[in-house]
């Protein structure tokens, strides 16, 4: 991994944390906490709060998963294993890492995992 790749991972991590905060969620250490006023004043407002909270949770869950993948990628960088596929051990092509800097698998291994997951569902 080059220094530029590490900087990119750190930038992506920071951007993901900012997006979580913008969604009304706070990042504390490795936890994500929801915010907002839990006391709606009427039924209509309660429904609006519920709809907004549901949207935040969906977006928040997606962002938390990305945050965890980025942190894991930085840990692999520190261990000197960033860019190697976790399944087969071969190098993940730089083009894939440029598009998905937190990628832990090469495309063939990622596709195999997704195929197995679809078959199990």
PDB file of N, CA and C in Angstrom:
ATOM      1  N   UNK A   1       0.847  -1.178   0.000  1.00  0.00           N
ATOM      2  CA  UNK A   1       0.000   0.000   0.000  1.00  0.00           C
ATOM      3  C   UNK A   1       0.886   1.232   0.000  1.00  0.00           C
ATOM      4  N   UNK A   2       0.508   2.184  -0.795  1.00  0.00           N
ATOM      5  CA  UNK A   2       1.272   3.425  -0.843  1.00  0.00           C
ATOM      6  C   UNK A   2       0.735   4.401   0.197  1.00  0.00           C
ATOM      7  N   UNK A   3       1.527   5.412   0.464  1.00  0.00           N
ATOM      8  CA  UNK A   3       1.093   6.451   1.399  1.00  0.00           C
ATOM      9  C   UNK A   3      -0.188   7.119   0.883  1.00  0.00           C
ATOM     10  N   UNK A   4      -0.280   7.304  -0.431  1.00  0.00           N
ATOM     11  CA  UNK A   4      -1.483   7.912  -1.015  1.00  0.00           C
ATOM     12  C   UNK A   4      -2.726   7.073  -0.729  1.00  0.00           C
ATOM     13  N   UNK A   5      -2.578   5.745  -0.772  1.00  0.00           N
ATOM     14  CA  UNK A   5      -3.723   4.878  -0.479  1.00  0.00           C
ATOM     15  C   UNK A   5      -4.139   5.014   0.981  1.00  0.00           C
ATOM     16  N   UNK A   6      -3.157   5.126   1.864  1.00  0.00           N
ATOM     17  CA  UNK A   6      -3.490   5.299   3.283  1.00  0.00           C
ATOM     18  C   UNK A   6      -4.222   6.626   3.497  1.00  0.00           C
ATOM     19  N   UNK A   7      -3.723   7.680   2.870  1.00  0.00           N
ATOM     20  CA  UNK A   7      -4.375   8.990   2.987  1.00  0.00           C
ATOM     21  C   UNK A   7      -5.808   8.899   2.472  1.00  0.00           C
ATOM     22  N   UNK A   8      -6.005   8.197   1.353  1.00  0.00           N
ATOM     23  CA  UNK A   8      -7.360   8.046   0.803  1.00  0.00           C
ATOM     24  C   UNK A   8      -8.267   7.318   1.784  1.00  0.00           C
ATOM     25  N   UNK A   9      -7.766   6.232   2.403  1.00  0.00           N
ATOM     26  CA  UNK A   9      -8.566   5.504   3.397  1.00  0.00           C
ATOM     27  C   UNK A   9      -8.950   6.423   4.549  1.00  0.00           C
ATOM     28  N   UNK A  10      -7.988   7.205   5.029  1.00  0.00           N
ATOM     29  CA  UNK A  10      -8.272   8.114   6.146  1.00  0.00           C
ATOM     30  C   UNK A  10      -9.290   9.170   5.743  1.00  0.00           C
ATOM     31  N   UNK A  11      -9.197   9.669   4.508  1.00  0.00           N
ATOM     32  CA  UNK A  11     -10.174  10.651   4.028  1.00  0.00           C
ATOM     33  C   UNK A  11     -11.565  10.026   3.928  1.00  0.00           C
ATOM     34  N   UNK A  12     -11.647   8.813   3.410  1.00  0.00           N
ATOM     35  CA  UNK A  12     -12.934   8.118   3.305  1.00  0.00           C
ATOM     36  C   UNK A  12     -13.522   7.869   4.691  1.00  0.00           C
ATOM     37  N   UNK A  13     -12.670   7.501   5.641  1.00  0.00           N
ATOM     38  CA  UNK A  13     -13.117   7.275   7.014  1.00  0.00           C
ATOM     39  C   UNK A  13     -13.691   8.567   7.595  1.00  0.00           C
ATOM     40  N   UNK A  14     -12.975   9.676   7.425  1.00  0.00           N
ATOM     41  CA  UNK A  14     -13.459  10.966   7.921  1.00  0.00           C
ATOM     42  C   UNK A  14     -14.768  11.377   7.268  1.00  0.00           C
ATOM     43  N   UNK A  15     -14.874  11.165   5.955  1.00  0.00           N
ATOM     44  CA  UNK A  15     -16.106  11.517   5.239  1.00  0.00           C
ATOM     45  C   UNK A  15     -17.276  10.667   5.721  1.00  0.00           C
ATOM     46  N   UNK A  16     -17.023   9.395   5.995  1.00  0.00           N
ATOM     47  CA  UNK A  16     -18.086   8.510   6.478  1.00  0.00           C
ATOM     48  C   UNK A  16     -18.545   8.933   7.865  1.00  0.00           C
ATOM     49  N   UNK A  17     -17.614   9.309   8.721  1.00  0.00           N
ATOM     50  CA  UNK A  17     -17.971   9.791  10.062  1.00  0.00           C
ATOM     51  C   UNK A  17     -18.802  11.069   9.954  1.00  0.00           C
ATOM     52  N   UNK A  18     -18.419  11.979   9.054  1.00  0.00           N
ATOM     53  CA  UNK A  18     -19.194  13.219   8.871  1.00  0.00           C
ATOM     54  C   UNK A  18     -20.603  12.907   8.372  1.00  0.00           C
ATOM     55  N   UNK A  19     -20.729  11.942   7.454  1.00  0.00           N
ATOM     56  CA  UNK A  19     -22.055  11.585   6.945  1.00  0.00           C
ATOM     57  C   UNK A  19     -22.918  10.971   8.041  1.00  0.00           C
ATOM     58  N   UNK A  20     -22.308  10.193   8.926  1.00  0.00           N
ATOM     59  CA  UNK A  20     -23.055   9.645  10.062  1.00  0.00           C
ATOM     60  C   UNK A  20     -23.559  10.777  10.946  1.00  0.00           C
ATOM     61  N   UNK A  21     -22.703  11.736  11.214  1.00  0.00           N
ATOM     62  CA  UNK A  21     -23.114  12.878  12.048  1.00  0.00           C
ATOM     63  C   UNK A  21     -24.214  13.679  11.367  1.00  0.00           C
ATOM     64  N   UNK A  22     -24.072  13.878  10.052  1.00  0.00           N
ATOM     65  CA  UNK A  22     -25.104  14.606   9.304  1.00  0.00           C
ATOM     66  C   UNK A  22     -26.442  13.874   9.343  1.00  0.00           C
ATOM     67  N   UNK A  23     -26.397  12.546   9.448  1.00  0.00           N
ATOM     68  CA  UNK A  23     -27.625  11.747   9.526  1.00  0.00           C
ATOM     69  C   UNK A  23     -28.194  11.749  10.939  1.00  0.00           C
ATOM     70  N   UNK A  24     -27.563  12.502  11.836  1.00  0.00           N
ATOM     71  CA  UNK A  24     -28.073  12.589  13.203  1.00  0.00           C
ATOM     72  C   UNK A  24     -27.535  11.508  14.108  1.00  0.00           C
ATOM     73  N   UNK A  25     -26.433  10.876  13.705  1.00  0.00           N
ATOM     74  CA  UNK A  25     -25.831   9.819  14.504  1.00  0.00           C
ATOM     75  C   UNK A  25     -24.439  10.263  14.927  1.00  0.00           C
ATOM     76  N   UNK A  26     -24.058   9.936  16.138  1.00  0.00           N
ATOM     77  CA  UNK A  26     -22.748  10.323  16.655  1.00  0.00           C
ATOM     78  C   UNK A  26     -21.844   9.105  16.723  1.00  0.00           C
ATOM     79  N   UNK A  27     -20.579   9.305  16.360  1.00  0.00           N
ATOM     80  CA  UNK A  27     -19.595   8.233  16.425  1.00  0.00           C
ATOM     81  C   UNK A  27     -18.754   8.462  17.668  1.00  0.00           C
ATOM     82  N   UNK A  28     -18.785   7.493  18.581  1.00  0.00           N
ATOM     83  CA  UNK A  28     -17.987   7.576  19.803  1.00  0.00           C
ATOM     84  C   UNK A  28     -17.155   6.313  19.890  1.00  0.00           C
ATOM     85  N   UNK A  29     -15.871   6.433  19.669  1.00  0.00           N
ATOM     86  CA  UNK A  29     -15.016   5.251  19.651  1.00  0.00           C
ATOM     87  C   UNK A  29     -15.421   4.347  18.514  1.00  0.00           C
ATOM     88  N   UNK A  30     -15.930   3.176  18.832  1.00  0.00           N
ATOM     89  CA  UNK A  30     -16.388   2.235  17.811  1.00  0.00           C
ATOM     90  C   UNK A  30     -17.904   2.114  17.809  1.00  0.00           C
ATOM     91  N   UNK A  31     -18.611   2.971  18.566  1.00  0.00           N
ATOM     92  CA  UNK A  31     -20.067   2.885  18.653  1.00  0.00           C
ATOM     93  C   UNK A  31     -20.704   4.033  17.886  1.00  0.00           C
ATOM     94  N   UNK A  32     -21.928   3.835  17.469  1.00  0.00           N
ATOM     95  CA  UNK A  32     -22.708   4.871  16.801  1.00  0.00           C
ATOM     96  C   UNK A  32     -23.995   5.032  17.578  1.00  0.00           C
ATOM     97  N   UNK A  33     -24.297   6.285  17.926  1.00  0.00           N
ATOM     98  CA  UNK A  33     -25.471   6.556  18.750  1.00  0.00           C
ATOM     99  C   UNK A  33     -26.404   7.501  18.013  1.00  0.00           C
ATOM    100  N   UNK A  34     -27.708   7.274  18.167  1.00  0.00           N
ATOM    101  CA  UNK A  34     -28.707   8.136  17.548  1.00  0.00           C
ATOM    102  C   UNK A  34     -28.932   9.386  18.368  1.00  0.00           C
ATOM    103  N   UNK A  35     -29.397  10.430  17.692  1.00  0.00           N
ATOM    104  CA  UNK A  35     -29.691  11.677  18.389  1.00  0.00           C
ATOM    105  C   UNK A  35     -31.087  12.127  18.046  1.00  0.00           C
ATOM    106  N   UNK A  36     -31.418  13.323  18.427  1.00  0.00           N
ATOM    107  CA  UNK A  36     -32.727  13.866  18.107  1.00  0.00           C
ATOM    108  C   UNK A  36     -33.621  13.925  19.321  1.00  0.00           C
ATOM    109  N   UNK A  37     -34.715  14.653  19.178  1.00  0.00           N
ATOM    110  CA  UNK A  37     -35.663  14.832  20.267  1.00  0.00           C
ATOM    111  C   UNK A  37     -36.632  13.659  20.302  1.00  0.00           C
ATOM    112  N   UNK A  38     -36.632  12.864  21.360  1.00  0.00           N
ATOM    113  CA  UNK A  38     -37.515  11.704  21.423  1.00  0.00           C
ATOM    114  C   UNK A  38     -38.934  12.044  21.863  1.00  0.00           C
ATOM    115  N   UNK A  39     -39.281  13.339  22.044  1.00  0.00           N
ATOM    116  CA  UNK A  39     -40.585  13.712  22.593  1.00  0.00           C
ATOM    117  C   UNK A  39     -41.433  14.467  21.575  1.00  0.00           C
ATOM    118  N   UNK A  40     -42.029  13.787  20.613  1.00  0.00           N
ATOM    119  CA  UNK A  40     -42.910  14.489  19.683  1.00  0.00           C
ATOM    120  C   UNK A  40     -44.122  15.039  20.423  1.00  0.00           C
ATOM    121  N   UNK A  41     -44.691  16.137  19.882  1.00  0.00           N
ATOM    122  CA  UNK A  41     -45.788  16.804  20.582  1.00  0.00           C
ATOM    123  C   UNK A  41     -47.171  16.317  20.156  1.00  0.00           C
ATOM    124  N   UNK A  42     -47.312  15.688  19.001  1.00  0.00           N
ATOM    125  CA  UNK A  42     -48.615  15.166  18.596  1.00  0.00           C
ATOM    126  C   UNK A  42     -48.430  13.923  17.727  1.00  0.00           C
ATOM    127  N   UNK A  43     -49.543  13.302  17.360  1.00  0.00           N
ATOM    128  CA  UNK A  43     -49.496  12.053  16.608  1.00  0.00           C
ATOM    129  C   UNK A  43     -48.830  12.238  15.247  1.00  0.00           C
ATOM    130  N   UNK A  44     -49.156  13.332  14.552  1.00  0.00           N
ATOM    131  CA  UNK A  44     -48.567  13.600  13.242  1.00  0.00           C
ATOM    132  C   UNK A  44     -47.055  13.756  13.374  1.00  0.00           C
ATOM    133  N   UNK A  45     -46.633  14.521  14.358  1.00  0.00           N
ATOM    134  CA  UNK A  45     -45.202  14.725  14.577  1.00  0.00           C
ATOM    135  C   UNK A  45     -44.527  13.409  14.965  1.00  0.00           C
ATOM    136  N   UNK A  46     -45.210  12.589  15.742  1.00  0.00           N
ATOM    137  CA  UNK A  46     -44.659  11.284  16.121  1.00  0.00           C
ATOM    138  C   UNK A  46     -44.443  10.419  14.879  1.00  0.00           C
ATOM    139  N   UNK A  47     -45.397  10.456  13.944  1.00  0.00           N
ATOM    140  CA  UNK A  47     -45.255   9.685  12.708  1.00  0.00           C
ATOM    141  C   UNK A  47     -44.085  10.204  11.881  1.00  0.00           C
ATOM    142  N   UNK A  48     -43.942  11.530  11.824  1.00  0.00           N
ATOM    143  CA  UNK A  48     -42.815  12.111  11.099  1.00  0.00           C
ATOM    144  C   UNK A  48     -41.492  11.694  11.735  1.00  0.00           C
ATOM    145  N   UNK A  49     -41.419  11.760  13.051  1.00  0.00           N
ATOM    146  CA  UNK A  49     -40.203  11.351  13.762  1.00  0.00           C
ATOM    147  C   UNK A  49     -39.879   9.886  13.469  1.00  0.00           C
ATOM    148  N   UNK A  50     -40.894   9.042  13.462  1.00  0.00           N
ATOM    149  CA  UNK A  50     -40.676   7.615  13.204  1.00  0.00           C
ATOM    150  C   UNK A  50     -40.150   7.392  11.787  1.00  0.00           C
ATOM    151  N   UNK A  51     -40.717   8.104  10.820  1.00  0.00           N
ATOM    152  CA  UNK A  51     -40.276   7.956   9.432  1.00  0.00           C
ATOM    153  C   UNK A  51     -38.843   8.443   9.263  1.00  0.00           C
ATOM    154  N   UNK A  52     -38.522   9.571   9.849  1.00  0.00           N
ATOM    155  CA  UNK A  52     -37.160  10.108   9.776  1.00  0.00           C
ATOM    156  C   UNK A  52     -36.184   9.166  10.466  1.00  0.00           C
ATOM    157  N   UNK A  53     -36.561   8.669  11.631  1.00  0.00           N
ATOM    158  CA  UNK A  53     -35.684   7.757  12.378  1.00  0.00           C
ATOM    159  C   UNK A  53     -35.424   6.486  11.585  1.00  0.00           C
ATOM    160  N   UNK A  54     -36.457   5.971  10.924  1.00  0.00           N
ATOM    161  CA  UNK A  54     -36.288   4.753  10.122  1.00  0.00           C
ATOM    162  C   UNK A  54     -35.308   4.995   8.979  1.00  0.00           C
ATOM    163  N   UNK A  55     -35.440   6.134   8.321  1.00  0.00           N
ATOM    164  CA  UNK A  55     -34.511   6.482   7.241  1.00  0.00           C
ATOM    165  C   UNK A  55     -33.096   6.645   7.751  1.00  0.00           C
ATOM    166  N   UNK A  56     -32.958   7.292   8.900  1.00  0.00           N
ATOM    167  CA  UNK A  56     -31.633   7.470   9.499  1.00  0.00           C
ATOM    168  C   UNK A  56     -31.015   6.130   9.864  1.00  0.00           C
ATOM    169  N   UNK A  57     -31.825   5.239  10.402  1.00  0.00           N
ATOM    170  CA  UNK A  57     -31.293   3.935  10.798  1.00  0.00           C
ATOM    171  C   UNK A  57     -30.786   3.161   9.591  1.00  0.00           C
ATOM    172  N   UNK A  58     -31.553   3.158   8.502  1.00  0.00           N
ATOM    173  CA  UNK A  58     -31.116   2.453   7.298  1.00  0.00           C
ATOM    174  C   UNK A  58     -29.825   3.031   6.761  1.00  0.00           C
ATOM    175  N   UNK A  59     -29.786   4.345   6.621  1.00  0.00           N
ATOM    176  CA  UNK A  59     -28.573   5.018   6.155  1.00  0.00           C
ATOM    177  C   UNK A  59     -27.460   4.835   7.174  1.00  0.00           C
ATOM    178  N   UNK A  60     -27.802   4.956   8.440  1.00  0.00           N
ATOM    179  CA  UNK A  60     -26.799   4.796   9.495  1.00  0.00           C
ATOM    180  C   UNK A  60     -26.189   3.409   9.498  1.00  0.00           C
ATOM    181  N   UNK A  61     -27.019   2.382   9.324  1.00  0.00           N
ATOM    182  CA  UNK A  61     -26.498   1.008   9.296  1.00  0.00           C
ATOM    183  C   UNK A  61     -25.539   0.812   8.131  1.00  0.00           C
ATOM    184  N   UNK A  62     -25.895   1.354   6.973  1.00  0.00           N
ATOM    185  CA  UNK A  62     -25.031   1.247   5.795  1.00  0.00           C
ATOM    186  C   UNK A  62     -23.705   1.961   6.044  1.00  0.00           C
ATOM    187  N   UNK A  63     -23.780   3.156   6.624  1.00  0.00           N
ATOM    188  CA  UNK A  63     -22.568   3.921   6.902  1.00  0.00           C
ATOM    189  C   UNK A  63     -21.714   3.254   7.974  1.00  0.00           C
ATOM    190  N   UNK A  64     -22.346   2.659   8.972  1.00  0.00           N
ATOM    191  CA  UNK A  64     -21.594   1.966  10.026  1.00  0.00           C
ATOM    192  C   UNK A  64     -20.846   0.774   9.433  1.00  0.00           C
ATOM    193  N   UNK A  65     -21.498   0.038   8.538  1.00  0.00           N
ATOM    194  CA  UNK A  65     -20.808  -1.093   7.896  1.00  0.00           C
ATOM    195  C   UNK A  65     -19.593  -0.595   7.113  1.00  0.00           C
ATOM    196  N   UNK A  66     -19.756   0.529   6.407  1.00  0.00           N
ATOM    197  CA  UNK A  66     -18.622   1.083   5.642  1.00  0.00           C
ATOM    198  C   UNK A  66     -17.536   1.559   6.592  1.00  0.00           C
ATOM    199  N   UNK A  67     -17.925   2.218   7.670  1.00  0.00           N
ATOM    200  CA  UNK A  67     -16.967   2.682   8.670  1.00  0.00           C
ATOM    201  C   UNK A  67     -16.139   1.509   9.189  1.00  0.00           C
ATOM    202  N   UNK A  68     -16.790   0.410   9.498  1.00  0.00           N
ATOM    203  CA  UNK A  68     -16.086  -0.777   9.994  1.00  0.00           C
ATOM    204  C   UNK A  68     -15.147  -1.357   8.943  1.00  0.00           C
ATOM    205  N   UNK A  69     -15.587  -1.365   7.673  1.00  0.00           N
ATOM    206  CA  UNK A  69     -14.716  -1.876   6.604  1.00  0.00           C
ATOM    207  C   UNK A  69     -13.494  -0.981   6.422  1.00  0.00           C
ATOM    208  N   UNK A  70     -13.687   0.333   6.518  1.00  0.00           N
ATOM    209  CA  UNK A  70     -12.556   1.255   6.385  1.00  0.00           C
ATOM    210  C   UNK A  70     -11.576   1.091   7.541  1.00  0.00           C
ATOM    211  N   UNK A  71     -12.092   0.949   8.748  1.00  0.00           N
ATOM    212  CA  UNK A  71     -11.212   0.727   9.903  1.00  0.00           C
ATOM    213  C   UNK A  71     -10.426  -0.572   9.742  1.00  0.00           C
ATOM    214  N   UNK A  72     -11.090  -1.615   9.256  1.00  0.00           N
ATOM    215  CA  UNK A  72     -10.411  -2.896   9.035  1.00  0.00           C
ATOM    216  C   UNK A  72      -9.328  -2.750   7.964  1.00  0.00           C
ATOM    217  N   UNK A  73      -9.603  -1.962   6.926  1.00  0.00           N
ATOM    218  CA  UNK A  73      -8.605  -1.740   5.876  1.00  0.00           C
ATOM    219  C   UNK A  73      -7.384  -1.021   6.439  1.00  0.00           C
ATOM    220  N   UNK A  74      -7.610  -0.038   7.305  1.00  0.00           N
ATOM    221  CA  UNK A  74      -6.478   0.656   7.929  1.00  0.00           C
ATOM    222  C   UNK A  74      -5.686  -0.288   8.829  1.00  0.00           C
ATOM    223  N   UNK A  75      -6.369  -1.196   9.508  1.00  0.00           N
ATOM    224  CA  UNK A  75      -5.667  -2.193  10.330  1.00  0.00           C
ATOM    225  C   UNK A  75      -4.830  -3.118   9.444  1.00  0.00           C
ATOM    226  N   UNK A  76      -5.378  -3.505   8.277  1.00  0.00           N
ATOM    227  CA  UNK A  76      -4.598  -4.340   7.355  1.00  0.00           C
ATOM    228  C   UNK A  76      -3.382  -3.576   6.852  1.00  0.00           C
ATOM    229  N   UNK A  77      -3.543  -2.277   6.631  1.00  0.00           N
ATOM    230  CA  UNK A  77      -2.407  -1.446   6.219  1.00  0.00           C
ATOM    231  C   UNK A  77      -1.316  -1.494   7.282  1.00  0.00           C
ATOM    232  N   UNK A  78      -1.707  -1.317   8.536  1.00  0.00           N
ATOM    233  CA  UNK A  78      -0.734  -1.331   9.639  1.00  0.00           C
ATOM    234  C   UNK A  78      -0.019  -2.679   9.732  1.00  0.00           C
ATOM    235  N   UNK A  79      -0.709  -3.770   9.419  1.00  0.00           N
ATOM    236  CA  UNK A  79      -0.110  -5.115   9.465  1.00  0.00           C
ATOM    237  C   UNK A  79       0.672  -5.440   8.201  1.00  0.00           C
ATOM    238  N   UNK A  80       0.532  -4.588   7.178  1.00  0.00           N
ATOM    239  CA  UNK A  80       1.233  -4.834   5.920  1.00  0.00           C
ATOM    240  C   UNK A  80       0.519  -5.799   4.995  1.00  0.00           C
ATOM    241  N   UNK A  81      -0.778  -6.017   5.226  1.00  0.00           N
ATOM    242  CA  UNK A  81      -1.528  -6.963   4.393  1.00  0.00           C
ATOM    243  C   UNK A  81      -2.587  -6.284   3.528  1.00  0.00           C
ATOM    244  N   UNK A  82      -2.642  -4.953   3.548  1.00  0.00           N
ATOM    245  CA  UNK A  82      -3.629  -4.241   2.738  1.00  0.00           C
ATOM    246  C   UNK A  82      -3.361  -4.527   1.265  1.00  0.00           C
ATOM    247  N   UNK A  83      -4.419  -4.790   0.522  1.00  0.00           N
ATOM    248  CA  UNK A  83      -4.299  -5.036  -0.908  1.00  0.00           C
ATOM    249  C   UNK A  83      -4.211  -6.507  -1.259  1.00  0.00           C
ATOM    250  N   UNK A  84      -4.122  -7.372  -0.254  1.00  0.00           N
ATOM    251  CA  UNK A  84      -4.129  -8.818  -0.491  1.00  0.00           C
ATOM    252  C   UNK A  84      -5.521  -9.349  -0.167  1.00  0.00           C
ATOM    253  N   UNK A  85      -6.063 -10.173  -1.049  1.00  0.00           N
ATOM    254  CA  UNK A  85      -7.393 -10.755  -0.853  1.00  0.00           C
ATOM    255  C   UNK A  85      -7.387 -11.634   0.390  1.00  0.00           C
ATOM    256  N   UNK A  86      -8.369 -11.455   1.249  1.00  0.00           N
ATOM    257  CA  UNK A  86      -8.458 -12.243   2.478  1.00  0.00           C
ATOM    258  C   UNK A  86      -8.780 -13.710   2.211  1.00  0.00           C
ATOM    259  N   UNK A  87      -9.405 -14.017   1.068  1.00  0.00           N
ATOM    260  CA  UNK A  87      -9.761 -15.407   0.772  1.00  0.00           C
ATOM    261  C   UNK A  87      -8.640 -16.154   0.058  1.00  0.00           C
ATOM    262  N   UNK A  88      -8.147 -15.599  -1.047  1.00  0.00           N
ATOM    263  CA  UNK A  88      -7.169 -16.335  -1.860  1.00  0.00           C
ATOM    264  C   UNK A  88      -5.735 -15.859  -1.665  1.00  0.00           C
ATOM    265  N   UNK A  89      -5.550 -14.677  -1.080  1.00  0.00           N
ATOM    266  CA  UNK A  89      -4.212 -14.159  -0.832  1.00  0.00           C
ATOM    267  C   UNK A  89      -3.581 -13.430  -2.001  1.00  0.00           C
ATOM    268  N   UNK A  90      -4.215 -13.458  -3.169  1.00  0.00           N
ATOM    269  CA  UNK A  90      -3.669 -12.754  -4.326  1.00  0.00           C
ATOM    270  C   UNK A  90      -3.881 -11.250  -4.173  1.00  0.00           C
ATOM    271  N   UNK A  91      -3.111 -10.489  -4.936  1.00  0.00           N
ATOM    272  CA  UNK A  91      -3.220  -9.030  -4.881  1.00  0.00           C
ATOM    273  C   UNK A  91      -4.557  -8.575  -5.464  1.00  0.00           C
ATOM    274  N   UNK A  92      -5.193  -7.650  -4.769  1.00  0.00           N
ATOM    275  CA  UNK A  92      -6.408  -7.008  -5.279  1.00  0.00           C
ATOM    276  C   UNK A  92      -5.933  -5.953  -6.275  1.00  0.00           C
ATOM    277  N   UNK A  93      -6.448  -5.952  -7.499  1.00  0.00           N
ATOM    278  CA  UNK A  93      -5.986  -4.985  -8.493  1.00  0.00           C
ATOM    279  C   UNK A  93      -6.127  -3.539  -8.002  1.00  0.00           C
ATOM    280  N   UNK A  94      -5.115  -2.704  -8.301  1.00  0.00           N
ATOM    281  CA  UNK A  94      -5.174  -1.295  -7.886  1.00  0.00           C
ATOM    282  C   UNK A  94      -6.437  -0.582  -8.361  1.00  0.00           C
ATOM    283  N   UNK A  95      -6.936  -0.933  -9.543  1.00  0.00           N
ATOM    284  CA  UNK A  95      -8.156  -0.284 -10.044  1.00  0.00           C
ATOM    285  C   UNK A  95      -9.326  -0.540  -9.100  1.00  0.00           C
ATOM    286  N   UNK A  96      -9.422  -1.754  -8.547  1.00  0.00           N
ATOM    287  CA  UNK A  96     -10.502  -2.063  -7.593  1.00  0.00           C
ATOM    288  C   UNK A  96     -10.309  -1.258  -6.316  1.00  0.00           C
ATOM    289  N   UNK A  97      -9.078  -1.178  -5.831  1.00  0.00           N
ATOM    290  CA  UNK A  97      -8.818  -0.429  -4.599  1.00  0.00           C
ATOM    291  C   UNK A  97      -9.069   1.065  -4.793  1.00  0.00           C
ATOM    292  N   UNK A  98      -8.874   1.567  -6.013  1.00  0.00           N
ATOM    293  CA  UNK A  98      -9.172   2.978  -6.273  1.00  0.00           C
ATOM    294  C   UNK A  98     -10.664   3.247  -6.188  1.00  0.00           C
ATOM    295  N   UNK A  99     -11.472   2.279  -6.629  1.00  0.00           N
ATOM    296  CA  UNK A  99     -12.926   2.442  -6.608  1.00  0.00           C
ATOM    297  C   UNK A  99     -13.496   2.102  -5.238  1.00  0.00           C
ATOM    298  N   UNK A 100     -12.987   1.027  -4.630  1.00  0.00           N
ATOM    299  CA  UNK A 100     -13.466   0.556  -3.324  1.00  0.00           C
ATOM    300  C   UNK A 100     -12.243   0.402  -2.418  1.00  0.00           C
ATOM    301  N   UNK A 101     -11.770   1.509  -1.825  1.00  0.00           N
ATOM    302  CA  UNK A 101     -10.521   1.443  -1.055  1.00  0.00           C
ATOM    303  C   UNK A 101     -10.569   0.489   0.134  1.00  0.00           C
ATOM    304  N   UNK A 102     -11.765   0.180   0.624  1.00  0.00           N
ATOM    305  CA  UNK A 102     -11.877  -0.724   1.771  1.00  0.00           C
ATOM    306  C   UNK A 102     -12.024  -2.185   1.346  1.00  0.00           C
ATOM    307  N   UNK A 103     -11.899  -2.478   0.045  1.00  0.00           N
ATOM    308  CA  UNK A 103     -12.082  -3.848  -0.454  1.00  0.00           C
ATOM    309  C   UNK A 103     -11.131  -4.810   0.255  1.00  0.00           C
ATOM    310  N   UNK A 104     -11.689  -5.929   0.703  1.00  0.00           N
ATOM    311  CA  UNK A 104     -10.897  -6.962   1.376  1.00  0.00           C
ATOM    312  C   UNK A 104     -10.758  -8.204   0.506  1.00  0.00           C
ATOM    313  N   UNK A 105     -11.520  -8.245  -0.589  1.00  0.00           N
ATOM    314  CA  UNK A 105     -11.529  -9.415  -1.467  1.00  0.00           C
ATOM    315  C   UNK A 105     -11.326  -8.983  -2.911  1.00  0.00           C
ATOM    316  N   UNK A 106     -10.683  -9.858  -3.699  1.00  0.00           N
ATOM    317  CA  UNK A 106     -10.613  -9.622  -5.135  1.00  0.00           C
ATOM    318  C   UNK A 106     -12.012  -9.872  -5.712  1.00  0.00           C
ATOM    319  N   UNK A 107     -12.239  -9.448  -6.933  1.00  0.00           N
ATOM    320  CA  UNK A 107     -13.572  -9.572  -7.531  1.00  0.00           C
ATOM    321  C   UNK A 107     -14.040 -11.031  -7.603  1.00  0.00           C
ATOM    322  N   UNK A 108     -13.212 -11.981  -8.075  1.00  0.00           N
ATOM    323  CA  UNK A 108     -13.709 -13.369  -8.124  1.00  0.00           C
ATOM    324  C   UNK A 108     -14.117 -13.913  -6.746  1.00  0.00           C
ATOM    325  N   UNK A 109     -13.332 -13.624  -5.719  1.00  0.00           N
ATOM    326  CA  UNK A 109     -13.680 -14.107  -4.374  1.00  0.00           C
ATOM    327  C   UNK A 109     -14.928 -13.404  -3.843  1.00  0.00           C
ATOM    328  N   UNK A 110     -15.071 -12.107  -4.122  1.00  0.00           N
ATOM    329  CA  UNK A 110     -16.267 -11.372  -3.709  1.00  0.00           C
ATOM    330  C   UNK A 110     -17.501 -11.967  -4.376  1.00  0.00           C
ATOM    331  N   UNK A 111     -17.393 -12.261  -5.673  1.00  0.00           N
ATOM    332  CA  UNK A 111     -18.528 -12.848  -6.391  1.00  0.00           C
ATOM    333  C   UNK A 111     -18.885 -14.222  -5.831  1.00  0.00           C
ATOM    334  N   UNK A 112     -17.883 -15.038  -5.489  1.00  0.00           N
ATOM    335  CA  UNK A 112     -18.161 -16.354  -4.902  1.00  0.00           C
ATOM    336  C   UNK A 112     -18.906 -16.210  -3.581  1.00  0.00           C
ATOM    337  N   UNK A 113     -18.473 -15.268  -2.749  1.00  0.00           N
ATOM    338  CA  UNK A 113     -19.162 -15.057  -1.462  1.00  0.00           C
ATOM    339  C   UNK A 113     -20.603 -14.624  -1.680  1.00  0.00           C
ATOM    340  N   UNK A 114     -20.807 -13.706  -2.625  1.00  0.00           N
ATOM    341  CA  UNK A 114     -22.167 -13.233  -2.899  1.00  0.00           C
ATOM    342  C   UNK A 114     -23.037 -14.352  -3.455  1.00  0.00           C
ATOM    343  N   UNK A 115     -22.462 -15.193  -4.322  1.00  0.00           N
ATOM    344  CA  UNK A 115     -23.218 -16.335  -4.864  1.00  0.00           C
ATOM    345  C   UNK A 115     -23.618 -17.290  -3.751  1.00  0.00           C
ATOM    346  N   UNK A 116     -22.694 -17.580  -2.826  1.00  0.00           N
ATOM    347  CA  UNK A 116     -23.004 -18.467  -1.698  1.00  0.00           C
ATOM    348  C   UNK A 116     -24.084 -17.851  -0.817  1.00  0.00           C
ATOM    349  N   UNK A 117     -23.995 -16.547  -0.582  1.00  0.00           N
ATOM    350  CA  UNK A 117     -24.991 -15.874   0.262  1.00  0.00           C
ATOM    351  C   UNK A 117     -26.371 -15.930  -0.395  1.00  0.00           C
ATOM    352  N   UNK A 118     -26.424 -15.746  -1.705  1.00  0.00           N
ATOM    353  CA  UNK A 118     -27.711 -15.829  -2.413  1.00  0.00           C
ATOM    354  C   UNK A 118     -28.258 -17.246  -2.365  1.00  0.00           C
ATOM    355  N   UNK A 119     -27.383 -18.235  -2.472  1.00  0.00           N
ATOM    356  CA  UNK A 119     -27.811 -19.631  -2.424  1.00  0.00           C
ATOM    357  C   UNK A 119     -28.317 -20.033  -1.058  1.00  0.00           C
ATOM    358  N   UNK A 120     -27.773 -19.415  -0.014  1.00  0.00           N
ATOM    359  CA  UNK A 120     -28.185 -19.736   1.359  1.00  0.00           C
ATOM    360  C   UNK A 120     -29.476 -19.031   1.740  1.00  0.00           C
ATOM    361  N   UNK A 121     -29.825 -17.993   1.013  1.00  0.00           N
ATOM    362  CA  UNK A 121     -31.010 -17.203   1.372  1.00  0.00           C
ATOM    363  C   UNK A 121     -32.284 -17.813   0.887  1.00  0.00           C
TER     364      UNK A 121
END
